[in-house]
Every structure is written in C-alpha cells, then in structure tokens.
Amino acid sequence: MPVGRWASSSSPPSSTASTAAARRGRDALRAAPLRDDALPPTAPGLRIGLYGGSFNPAHAGHLHVSRTALKRLRLDRVWWLVTPGNPLKDTGALAPLGERVAQARTLASDPRIAVTGFEAAIGSRYTIDTLRWLVRRRPNGRFVWIMGADSLGSFHRWRCYEEIMALVPVAVIDRPGHTLTAPAAKAAQAFAAARVPEAEAASLATRAPPAWTFLHGPRSALSSTALRNRASNSASLGLKAASRGAH
C-alpha cells in the first residue's frame, strides 16, 4: 500500500521544512482528543489486524486477504482503514471518503471485519502516524499490520518504515507475481532476522516487534485499479453504443 497528499505511506521527507512539518503533525496527534466514535469497538488483549488502503473500490480480494489473516493469524477482528488518500498513488480518480467507506461496509458482510475512516478524523497522513496514535491510546491491544506482497516491494519507501516494524508485528499476504520477489525486497532483507516461520504465524499477534511473516496460499489477482479501468471502459463502450443508436 504505498504517493498523494493523504495516506498510509510515503517517501521520506527531503528537507528541514518537511521534517519540521512532520514533527508538528506528530505533536498534533499526541494532543488529539479521543472521540468515542473514532474507532471500532475493542477490548484489552483483542487480536486486531489493521488493513489500510484506499479501497477505491473495496472488492473480493480485500475480503480474501482479511479472511486469510483472520484464519492464519488467529485474529479476533480485522479493521479496514479507509485512507483519505495514498501518498504513493495517484489520487485523481479517488472517490470521496464517505462513498468508499459506505461501499466497503456493504461488501464487508463478515461480522469480524470493521470498516473505519478514522484516519481522517484524527488527521493522520501516514501509516506511522496512525500506528503511533493507536498504540498510545490502545496500549493493551494486540495489533498486526496487514499488507499485500506487492506492497512489501515498496515498503522501504514508506515514512519511518523501520519504526512501523518496531511498533507492531507485520503480516504479508502473498499476491500473484510477487511470491518470489517480495521476500527479496529491501525491507524484507533489512528485517530478515525478524521473520517468523509461516508455521508459527498464529503466534504473530503475541510477539514483540519487530516480527513479520509471509503467508502463502490461494492468491487473489483482483485489484481496485483493474476494477476502475474495467468500469471506465464499460462506461465508454456504453456511451459509444448510445451515440451510434442516436444516428
């Protein structure tokens, strides 16, 4: 899940000004009041998978990843964190946040999956901001960050990715075309010693970070980009057909 103004990940700042802005953002997050409706229900010790993304739109592939994580990691819940935008992706075709949250909730019929847009509510721009906020306010939660194997390849470009690894365990779900390349990614190599054997994945939520695992198994080739392109092409063909019929 890697670039736009808002999001769950981004390349690191390159100037003193951007570093100062990031520091101000962290200070604002520390001071941000906790709203009662900002988070899905939780309880101490609950094993929660955090699955962030644009969900533009949410699709069956997101369900596949979530159910894989629920089963293989023995999670109690998975939260879909619908971001205001993604810094490593073009936000030009991004549907409004409210629409994406509503569509994701319609799709996510599994009672173990909660859909939330709370990152916008707390003013979080990056994954690291979200995780700092969560672990500070829910110190008894057992959070696991979930990502697709395609995101692991660019994970080293995310803001403070080393700190992300130090805050929560990470689960990487296999994706078509990334089974062999993802484990060779820069971030994977940097944290090779923290990799948890797949056979022990069920213990990931209870391990002290850094800890990560790579889950193989059935893979989904669905992507939000492909679905948007398909919908756009269908609409274009429909317009052309209507235009021909009018003549």
C-alpha atoms as a PDB file:
ATOM      1  CA  MET A   1       0.000   0.000   0.000  1.00  0.00           C
ATOM      2  CA  PRO A   2       2.179   2.594  -0.901  1.00  0.00           C
ATOM      3  CA  VAL A   3       2.128   8.749  -3.332  1.00  0.00           C
ATOM      4  CA  GLY A   4      -0.732  11.797  -2.831  1.00  0.00           C
ATOM      5  CA  ARG A   5      -1.176  14.243  -0.065  1.00  0.00           C
ATOM      6  CA  TRP A   6      -3.037  11.969   2.311  1.00  0.00           C
ATOM      7  CA  ALA A   7      -2.362   8.357   3.088  1.00  0.00           C
ATOM      8  CA  SER A   8      -0.954   5.370   4.804  1.00  0.00           C
ATOM      9  CA  SER A   9       2.562   5.566   3.403  1.00  0.00           C
ATOM     10  CA  SER A  10       5.015   7.870   1.681  1.00  0.00           C
ATOM     11  CA  SER A  11       8.600   8.515   0.703  1.00  0.00           C
ATOM     12  CA  PRO A  12      10.681  10.145   3.465  1.00  0.00           C
ATOM     13  CA  PRO A  13      10.863  13.961   3.719  1.00  0.00           C
ATOM     14  CA  SER A  14      13.820  15.556   1.972  1.00  0.00           C
ATOM     15  CA  SER A  15      14.084  18.968   3.654  1.00  0.00           C
ATOM     16  CA  THR A  16      14.294  20.643   7.042  1.00  0.00           C
ATOM     17  CA  ALA A  17      10.878  22.200   6.426  1.00  0.00           C
ATOM     18  CA  SER A  18       9.203  18.875   5.773  1.00  0.00           C
ATOM     19  CA  THR A  19      10.869  17.391   8.848  1.00  0.00           C
ATOM     20  CA  ALA A  20       9.527  20.259  10.958  1.00  0.00           C
ATOM     21  CA  ALA A  21       6.070  19.754   9.457  1.00  0.00           C
ATOM     22  CA  ALA A  22       6.201  16.083  10.331  1.00  0.00           C
ATOM     23  CA  ARG A  23       7.170  16.968  13.906  1.00  0.00           C
ATOM     24  CA  ARG A  24       4.226  19.384  14.165  1.00  0.00           C
ATOM     25  CA  GLY A  25       1.954  16.648  12.844  1.00  0.00           C
ATOM     26  CA  ARG A  26       3.167  14.210  15.491  1.00  0.00           C
ATOM     27  CA  ASP A  27       2.603  16.833  18.201  1.00  0.00           C
ATOM     28  CA  ALA A  28      -0.934  17.406  16.930  1.00  0.00           C
ATOM     29  CA  LEU A  29      -1.639  13.689  17.007  1.00  0.00           C
ATOM     30  CA  ARG A  30      -0.395  13.458  20.579  1.00  0.00           C
ATOM     31  CA  ALA A  31      -2.793  16.242  21.562  1.00  0.00           C
ATOM     32  CA  ALA A  32      -5.747  14.978  19.508  1.00  0.00           C
ATOM     33  CA  PRO A  33      -8.690  14.069  21.781  1.00  0.00           C
ATOM     34  CA  LEU A  34     -10.038  10.530  21.516  1.00  0.00           C
ATOM     35  CA  ARG A  35     -13.529  10.591  20.072  1.00  0.00           C
ATOM     36  CA  ASP A  36     -15.910   7.880  21.205  1.00  0.00           C
ATOM     37  CA  ASP A  37     -16.852   7.105  17.608  1.00  0.00           C
ATOM     38  CA  ALA A  38     -13.331   7.305  16.177  1.00  0.00           C
ATOM     39  CA  LEU A  39     -12.551   3.605  16.472  1.00  0.00           C
ATOM     40  CA  PRO A  40     -14.399   0.311  16.108  1.00  0.00           C
ATOM     41  CA  PRO A  41     -15.136  -1.407  19.447  1.00  0.00           C
ATOM     42  CA  THR A  42     -12.119  -3.039  21.061  1.00  0.00           C
ATOM     43  CA  ALA A  43     -11.028  -4.591  24.336  1.00  0.00           C
ATOM     44  CA  PRO A  44      -7.706  -5.325  26.064  1.00  0.00           C
ATOM     45  CA  GLY A  45      -5.956  -8.306  24.516  1.00  0.00           C
ATOM     46  CA  LEU A  46      -8.108  -8.404  21.390  1.00  0.00           C
ATOM     47  CA  ARG A  47      -6.044  -9.528  18.383  1.00  0.00           C
ATOM     48  CA  ILE A  48      -6.732  -6.983  15.650  1.00  0.00           C
ATOM     49  CA  GLY A  49      -5.444  -6.918  12.081  1.00  0.00           C
ATOM     50  CA  LEU A  50      -5.028  -3.435  10.586  1.00  0.00           C
ATOM     51  CA  TYR A  51      -5.570  -3.440   6.830  1.00  0.00           C
ATOM     52  CA  GLY A  52      -5.058   0.027   5.364  1.00  0.00           C
ATOM     53  CA  GLY A  53      -5.726   1.232   1.852  1.00  0.00           C
ATOM     54  CA  SER A  54      -7.773   3.465  -0.417  1.00  0.00           C
ATOM     55  CA  PHE A  55     -10.428   0.781  -1.017  1.00  0.00           C
ATOM     56  CA  ASN A  56     -11.287   2.530  -4.267  1.00  0.00           C
ATOM     57  CA  PRO A  57     -13.309   0.379  -4.567  1.00  0.00           C
ATOM     58  CA  ALA A  58     -13.287  -2.405  -1.980  1.00  0.00           C
ATOM     59  CA  HIS A  59     -13.539  -5.822  -3.640  1.00  0.00           C
ATOM     60  CA  ALA A  60     -13.447  -9.564  -3.055  1.00  0.00           C
ATOM     61  CA  GLY A  61      -9.654  -9.523  -2.977  1.00  0.00           C
ATOM     62  CA  HIS A  62      -9.769  -7.413   0.191  1.00  0.00           C
ATOM     63  CA  LEU A  63     -12.121  -9.964   1.724  1.00  0.00           C
ATOM     64  CA  HIS A  64      -9.764 -12.784   0.722  1.00  0.00           C
ATOM     65  CA  VAL A  65      -6.781 -11.099   2.396  1.00  0.00           C
ATOM     66  CA  SER A  66      -8.814 -10.344   5.522  1.00  0.00           C
ATOM     67  CA  ARG A  67     -10.178 -13.859   5.901  1.00  0.00           C
ATOM     68  CA  THR A  68      -6.753 -15.334   5.286  1.00  0.00           C
ATOM     69  CA  ALA A  69      -5.347 -13.141   8.063  1.00  0.00           C
ATOM     70  CA  LEU A  70      -8.218 -13.949  10.427  1.00  0.00           C
ATOM     71  CA  LYS A  71      -7.680 -17.673   9.991  1.00  0.00           C
ATOM     72  CA  ARG A  72      -3.917 -17.992   9.700  1.00  0.00           C
ATOM     73  CA  LEU A  73      -3.033 -15.380  12.350  1.00  0.00           C
ATOM     74  CA  ARG A  74      -5.931 -16.321  14.637  1.00  0.00           C
ATOM     75  CA  LEU A  75      -7.155 -12.756  14.794  1.00  0.00           C
ATOM     76  CA  ASP A  76     -10.340 -11.667  16.523  1.00  0.00           C
ATOM     77  CA  ARG A  77     -11.006  -8.750  14.187  1.00  0.00           C
ATOM     78  CA  VAL A  78      -9.701  -7.031  11.063  1.00  0.00           C
ATOM     79  CA  TRP A  79     -10.147  -3.289  10.674  1.00  0.00           C
ATOM     80  CA  TRP A  80     -10.256  -1.849   7.174  1.00  0.00           C
ATOM     81  CA  LEU A  81      -8.606   1.560   7.496  1.00  0.00           C
ATOM     82  CA  VAL A  82     -10.010   3.527   4.550  1.00  0.00           C
ATOM     83  CA  THR A  83      -7.488   6.291   3.990  1.00  0.00           C
ATOM     84  CA  PRO A  84      -8.271   9.820   2.770  1.00  0.00           C
ATOM     85  CA  GLY A  85      -5.666   9.123   0.038  1.00  0.00           C
ATOM     86  CA  ASN A  86      -2.439   7.271  -0.613  1.00  0.00           C
ATOM     87  CA  PRO A  87       0.870   9.189  -0.926  1.00  0.00           C
ATOM     88  CA  LEU A  88       2.329   6.541  -3.236  1.00  0.00           C
ATOM     89  CA  LYS A  89      -0.611   6.525  -5.636  1.00  0.00           C
ATOM     90  CA  ASP A  90      -2.424   8.971  -7.925  1.00  0.00           C
ATOM     91  CA  THR A  91      -5.427  10.410  -6.063  1.00  0.00           C
ATOM     92  CA  GLY A  92      -7.010  11.918  -9.174  1.00  0.00           C
ATOM     93  CA  ALA A  93      -9.542   9.092  -9.526  1.00  0.00           C
ATOM     94  CA  LEU A  94     -10.184   8.792  -5.785  1.00  0.00           C
ATOM     95  CA  ALA A  95     -13.839   8.648  -4.814  1.00  0.00           C
ATOM     96  CA  PRO A  96     -14.927  10.685  -1.742  1.00  0.00           C
ATOM     97  CA  LEU A  97     -14.011   9.061   1.560  1.00  0.00           C
ATOM     98  CA  GLY A  98     -17.629   8.676   2.681  1.00  0.00           C
ATOM     99  CA  GLU A  99     -18.544   6.835  -0.503  1.00  0.00           C
ATOM    100  CA  ARG A 100     -15.606   4.454  -0.174  1.00  0.00           C
ATOM    101  CA  VAL A 101     -16.378   3.717   3.479  1.00  0.00           C
ATOM    102  CA  ALA A 102     -20.057   3.061   2.684  1.00  0.00           C
ATOM    103  CA  GLN A 103     -19.219   0.775  -0.257  1.00  0.00           C
ATOM    104  CA  ALA A 104     -16.654  -1.131   1.820  1.00  0.00           C
ATOM    105  CA  ARG A 105     -19.178  -1.639   4.624  1.00  0.00           C
ATOM    106  CA  THR A 106     -21.688  -3.037   2.155  1.00  0.00           C
ATOM    107  CA  LEU A 107     -19.107  -5.511   0.879  1.00  0.00           C
ATOM    108  CA  ALA A 108     -17.661  -6.477   4.270  1.00  0.00           C
ATOM    109  CA  SER A 109     -20.542  -8.603   5.491  1.00  0.00           C
ATOM    110  CA  ASP A 110     -18.282 -10.628   7.818  1.00  0.00           C
ATOM    111  CA  PRO A 111     -19.029  -9.510  11.409  1.00  0.00           C
ATOM    112  CA  ARG A 112     -15.334  -9.856  12.219  1.00  0.00           C
ATOM    113  CA  ILE A 113     -14.443  -7.081   9.747  1.00  0.00           C
ATOM    114  CA  ALA A 114     -14.953  -3.453  10.772  1.00  0.00           C
ATOM    115  CA  VAL A 115     -14.657  -0.590   8.283  1.00  0.00           C
ATOM    116  CA  THR A 116     -13.484   2.798   9.526  1.00  0.00           C
ATOM    117  CA  GLY A 117     -12.311   6.125   8.125  1.00  0.00           C
ATOM    118  CA  PHE A 118     -10.922   7.253  11.468  1.00  0.00           C
ATOM    119  CA  GLU A 119      -7.561   8.272   9.994  1.00  0.00           C
ATOM    120  CA  ALA A 120      -9.273  11.331   8.525  1.00  0.00           C
ATOM    121  CA  ALA A 121     -10.988  12.013  11.858  1.00  0.00           C
ATOM    122  CA  ILE A 122      -7.677  12.145  13.722  1.00  0.00           C
ATOM    123  CA  GLY A 123      -5.785  13.960  10.954  1.00  0.00           C
ATOM    124  CA  SER A 124      -3.408  11.090  10.204  1.00  0.00           C
ATOM    125  CA  ARG A 125      -1.491  11.336   6.933  1.00  0.00           C
ATOM    126  CA  TYR A 126       0.749   8.298   7.143  1.00  0.00           C
ATOM    127  CA  THR A 127       0.734   4.754   8.475  1.00  0.00           C
ATOM    128  CA  ILE A 128       3.304   5.694  11.097  1.00  0.00           C
ATOM    129  CA  ASP A 129       1.003   8.469  12.379  1.00  0.00           C
ATOM    130  CA  THR A 130      -1.882   6.011  12.653  1.00  0.00           C
ATOM    131  CA  LEU A 131       0.162   3.404  14.494  1.00  0.00           C
ATOM    132  CA  ARG A 132       1.650   5.905  16.936  1.00  0.00           C
ATOM    133  CA  TRP A 133      -1.866   7.113  17.704  1.00  0.00           C
ATOM    134  CA  LEU A 134      -3.246   3.603  18.169  1.00  0.00           C
ATOM    135  CA  VAL A 135      -0.512   2.132  20.341  1.00  0.00           C
ATOM    136  CA  ARG A 136      -0.589   5.219  22.553  1.00  0.00           C
ATOM    137  CA  ARG A 137      -4.338   5.131  23.077  1.00  0.00           C
ATOM    138  CA  ARG A 138      -4.864   1.376  22.963  1.00  0.00           C
ATOM    139  CA  PRO A 139      -1.706   0.081  24.664  1.00  0.00           C
ATOM    140  CA  ASN A 140      -3.369  -3.238  25.570  1.00  0.00           C
ATOM    141  CA  GLY A 141      -4.435  -4.035  22.007  1.00  0.00           C
ATOM    142  CA  ARG A 142      -2.580  -6.695  20.034  1.00  0.00           C
ATOM    143  CA  PHE A 143      -2.325  -5.053  16.620  1.00  0.00           C
ATOM    144  CA  VAL A 144      -0.906  -6.624  13.461  1.00  0.00           C
ATOM    145  CA  TRP A 145      -0.319  -4.593  10.293  1.00  0.00           C
ATOM    146  CA  ILE A 146      -1.522  -6.450   7.194  1.00  0.00           C
ATOM    147  CA  MET A 147      -0.206  -5.789   3.689  1.00  0.00           C
ATOM    148  CA  GLY A 148      -0.151  -7.498   0.328  1.00  0.00           C
ATOM    149  CA  ALA A 149       3.107  -8.896  -1.005  1.00  0.00           C
ATOM    150  CA  ASP A 150       3.040  -6.237  -3.744  1.00  0.00           C
ATOM    151  CA  SER A 151       3.330  -3.525  -1.057  1.00  0.00           C
ATOM    152  CA  LEU A 152       6.356  -5.160   0.548  1.00  0.00           C
ATOM    153  CA  GLY A 153       8.428  -4.247  -2.509  1.00  0.00           C
ATOM    154  CA  SER A 154       7.972  -0.521  -1.825  1.00  0.00           C
ATOM    155  CA  PHE A 155       7.707  -0.725   1.954  1.00  0.00           C
ATOM    156  CA  HIS A 156      11.164   0.800   2.384  1.00  0.00           C
ATOM    157  CA  ARG A 157       9.771   3.995   0.809  1.00  0.00           C
ATOM    158  CA  TRP A 158       7.102   4.392   3.460  1.00  0.00           C
ATOM    159  CA  ARG A 159       7.692   7.126   6.012  1.00  0.00           C
ATOM    160  CA  CYS A 160       9.615   5.691   9.009  1.00  0.00           C
ATOM    161  CA  TYR A 161       9.137   2.104   7.882  1.00  0.00           C
ATOM    162  CA  GLU A 162      11.700   0.930  10.429  1.00  0.00           C
ATOM    163  CA  GLU A 163       9.582   2.431  13.203  1.00  0.00           C
ATOM    164  CA  ILE A 164       6.480   0.737  11.804  1.00  0.00           C
ATOM    165  CA  MET A 165       8.296  -2.567  12.178  1.00  0.00           C
ATOM    166  CA  ALA A 166       9.268  -1.599  15.725  1.00  0.00           C
ATOM    167  CA  LEU A 167       5.688  -0.728  16.729  1.00  0.00           C
ATOM    168  CA  VAL A 168       3.626  -3.716  15.564  1.00  0.00           C
ATOM    169  CA  PRO A 169       4.090  -7.155  14.000  1.00  0.00           C
ATOM    170  CA  VAL A 170       3.531  -7.257  10.226  1.00  0.00           C
ATOM    171  CA  ALA A 171       1.829  -9.932   8.135  1.00  0.00           C
ATOM    172  CA  VAL A 172       2.472 -10.074   4.391  1.00  0.00           C
ATOM    173  CA  ILE A 173      -0.142 -11.887   2.288  1.00  0.00           C
ATOM    174  CA  ASP A 174       1.039 -13.415  -0.996  1.00  0.00           C
ATOM    175  CA  ARG A 175      -0.118 -11.824  -4.271  1.00  0.00           C
ATOM    176  CA  PRO A 176       0.206 -13.150  -7.840  1.00  0.00           C
ATOM    177  CA  GLY A 177       3.562 -12.207  -9.346  1.00  0.00           C
ATOM    178  CA  HIS A 178       5.185 -11.419  -6.005  1.00  0.00           C
ATOM    179  CA  THR A 179       5.699 -14.832  -4.413  1.00  0.00           C
ATOM    180  CA  LEU A 180       9.421 -14.908  -5.183  1.00  0.00           C
ATOM    181  CA  THR A 181      10.268 -11.209  -5.459  1.00  0.00           C
ATOM    182  CA  ALA A 182       8.653  -9.895  -2.256  1.00  0.00           C
ATOM    183  CA  PRO A 183      10.913 -11.783   0.201  1.00  0.00           C
ATOM    184  CA  ALA A 184      13.897 -10.276  -1.633  1.00  0.00           C
ATOM    185  CA  ALA A 185      12.593  -6.707  -1.138  1.00  0.00           C
ATOM    186  CA  LYS A 186      14.813  -4.157   0.622  1.00  0.00           C
ATOM    187  CA  ALA A 187      12.650  -4.042   3.762  1.00  0.00           C
ATOM    188  CA  ALA A 188      12.381  -7.814   3.922  1.00  0.00           C
ATOM    189  CA  GLN A 189      16.148  -8.138   3.759  1.00  0.00           C
ATOM    190  CA  ALA A 190      16.663  -5.409   6.361  1.00  0.00           C
ATOM    191  CA  PHE A 191      14.456  -7.330   8.809  1.00  0.00           C
ATOM    192  CA  ALA A 192      15.348 -10.856   7.728  1.00  0.00           C
ATOM    193  CA  ALA A 193      16.270 -11.814  11.294  1.00  0.00           C
ATOM    194  CA  ALA A 194      12.776 -10.832  12.496  1.00  0.00           C
ATOM    195  CA  ARG A 195      10.931 -13.091  10.056  1.00  0.00           C
ATOM    196  CA  VAL A 196       8.636 -15.583  11.789  1.00  0.00           C
ATOM    197  CA  PRO A 197       8.305 -19.029  10.153  1.00  0.00           C
ATOM    198  CA  GLU A 198       4.972 -19.407   8.407  1.00  0.00           C
ATOM    199  CA  ALA A 199       4.193 -22.459  10.528  1.00  0.00           C
ATOM    200  CA  GLU A 200       4.276 -20.183  13.590  1.00  0.00           C
ATOM    201  CA  ALA A 201       2.151 -17.408  12.070  1.00  0.00           C
ATOM    202  CA  ALA A 202      -0.646 -17.932  14.607  1.00  0.00           C
ATOM    203  CA  SER A 203       1.666 -16.538  17.292  1.00  0.00           C
ATOM    204  CA  LEU A 204       2.455 -13.305  15.422  1.00  0.00           C
ATOM    205  CA  ALA A 205      -0.044 -11.110  17.291  1.00  0.00           C
ATOM    206  CA  THR A 206       1.506 -12.027  20.626  1.00  0.00           C
ATOM    207  CA  ARG A 207       5.122 -11.485  19.587  1.00  0.00           C
ATOM    208  CA  ALA A 208       7.139  -8.400  20.455  1.00  0.00           C
ATOM    209  CA  PRO A 209       8.058  -6.397  17.327  1.00  0.00           C
ATOM    210  CA  PRO A 210       9.941  -6.414  15.113  1.00  0.00           C
ATOM    211  CA  ALA A 211       8.307  -9.585  13.867  1.00  0.00           C
ATOM    212  CA  TRP A 212       6.829 -10.370  10.460  1.00  0.00           C
ATOM    213  CA  THR A 213       5.693 -13.333   8.449  1.00  0.00           C
ATOM    214  CA  PHE A 214       4.885 -14.140   4.832  1.00  0.00           C
ATOM    215  CA  LEU A 215       1.697 -16.124   4.254  1.00  0.00           C
ATOM    216  CA  HIS A 216       1.477 -18.287   1.140  1.00  0.00           C
ATOM    217  CA  GLY A 217      -1.692 -19.924  -0.123  1.00  0.00           C
ATOM    218  CA  PRO A 218      -4.560 -19.144  -2.509  1.00  0.00           C
ATOM    219  CA  ARG A 219      -3.985 -15.743  -4.083  1.00  0.00           C
ATOM    220  CA  SER A 220      -6.364 -13.122  -5.445  1.00  0.00           C
ATOM    221  CA  ALA A 221      -5.448 -11.252  -8.617  1.00  0.00           C
ATOM    222  CA  LEU A 222      -8.180  -8.641  -8.121  1.00  0.00           C
ATOM    223  CA  SER A 223      -7.133  -5.006  -7.803  1.00  0.00           C
ATOM    224  CA  SER A 224      -9.047  -1.765  -7.335  1.00  0.00           C
ATOM    225  CA  THR A 225      -7.176  -0.210 -10.276  1.00  0.00           C
ATOM    226  CA  ALA A 226      -8.227  -3.003 -12.633  1.00  0.00           C
ATOM    227  CA  LEU A 227     -11.844  -2.739 -11.467  1.00  0.00           C
ATOM    228  CA  ARG A 228     -11.878   1.030 -12.031  1.00  0.00           C
ATOM    229  CA  ASN A 229     -10.377   0.619 -15.500  1.00  0.00           C
ATOM    230  CA  ARG A 230     -12.947  -2.055 -16.344  1.00  0.00           C
ATOM    231  CA  ALA A 231     -15.795   0.156 -15.178  1.00  0.00           C
ATOM    232  CA  SER A 232     -14.389   3.101 -17.137  1.00  0.00           C
ATOM    233  CA  ASN A 233     -14.063   1.013 -20.304  1.00  0.00           C
ATOM    234  CA  SER A 234     -17.602  -0.334 -19.919  1.00  0.00           C
ATOM    235  CA  ALA A 235     -18.953   3.184 -19.486  1.00  0.00           C
ATOM    236  CA  SER A 236     -17.033   4.355 -22.535  1.00  0.00           C
ATOM    237  CA  LEU A 237     -18.382   1.495 -24.656  1.00  0.00           C
ATOM    238  CA  GLY A 238     -21.892   2.274 -23.428  1.00  0.00           C
ATOM    239  CA  LEU A 239     -21.579   5.907 -24.462  1.00  0.00           C
ATOM    240  CA  LYS A 240     -20.293   4.913 -27.900  1.00  0.00           C
ATOM    241  CA  ALA A 241     -23.174   2.490 -28.387  1.00  0.00           C
ATOM    242  CA  ALA A 242     -25.690   5.123 -27.315  1.00  0.00           C
ATOM    243  CA  SER A 243     -24.088   7.596 -29.693  1.00  0.00           C
ATOM    244  CA  ARG A 244     -24.370   5.144 -32.615  1.00  0.00           C
ATOM    245  CA  GLY A 245     -28.004   4.442 -31.770  1.00  0.00           C
ATOM    246  CA  ALA A 246     -28.824   8.137 -31.862  1.00  0.00           C
ATOM    247  CA  HIS A 247     -27.797   8.414 -35.506  1.00  0.00           C
END
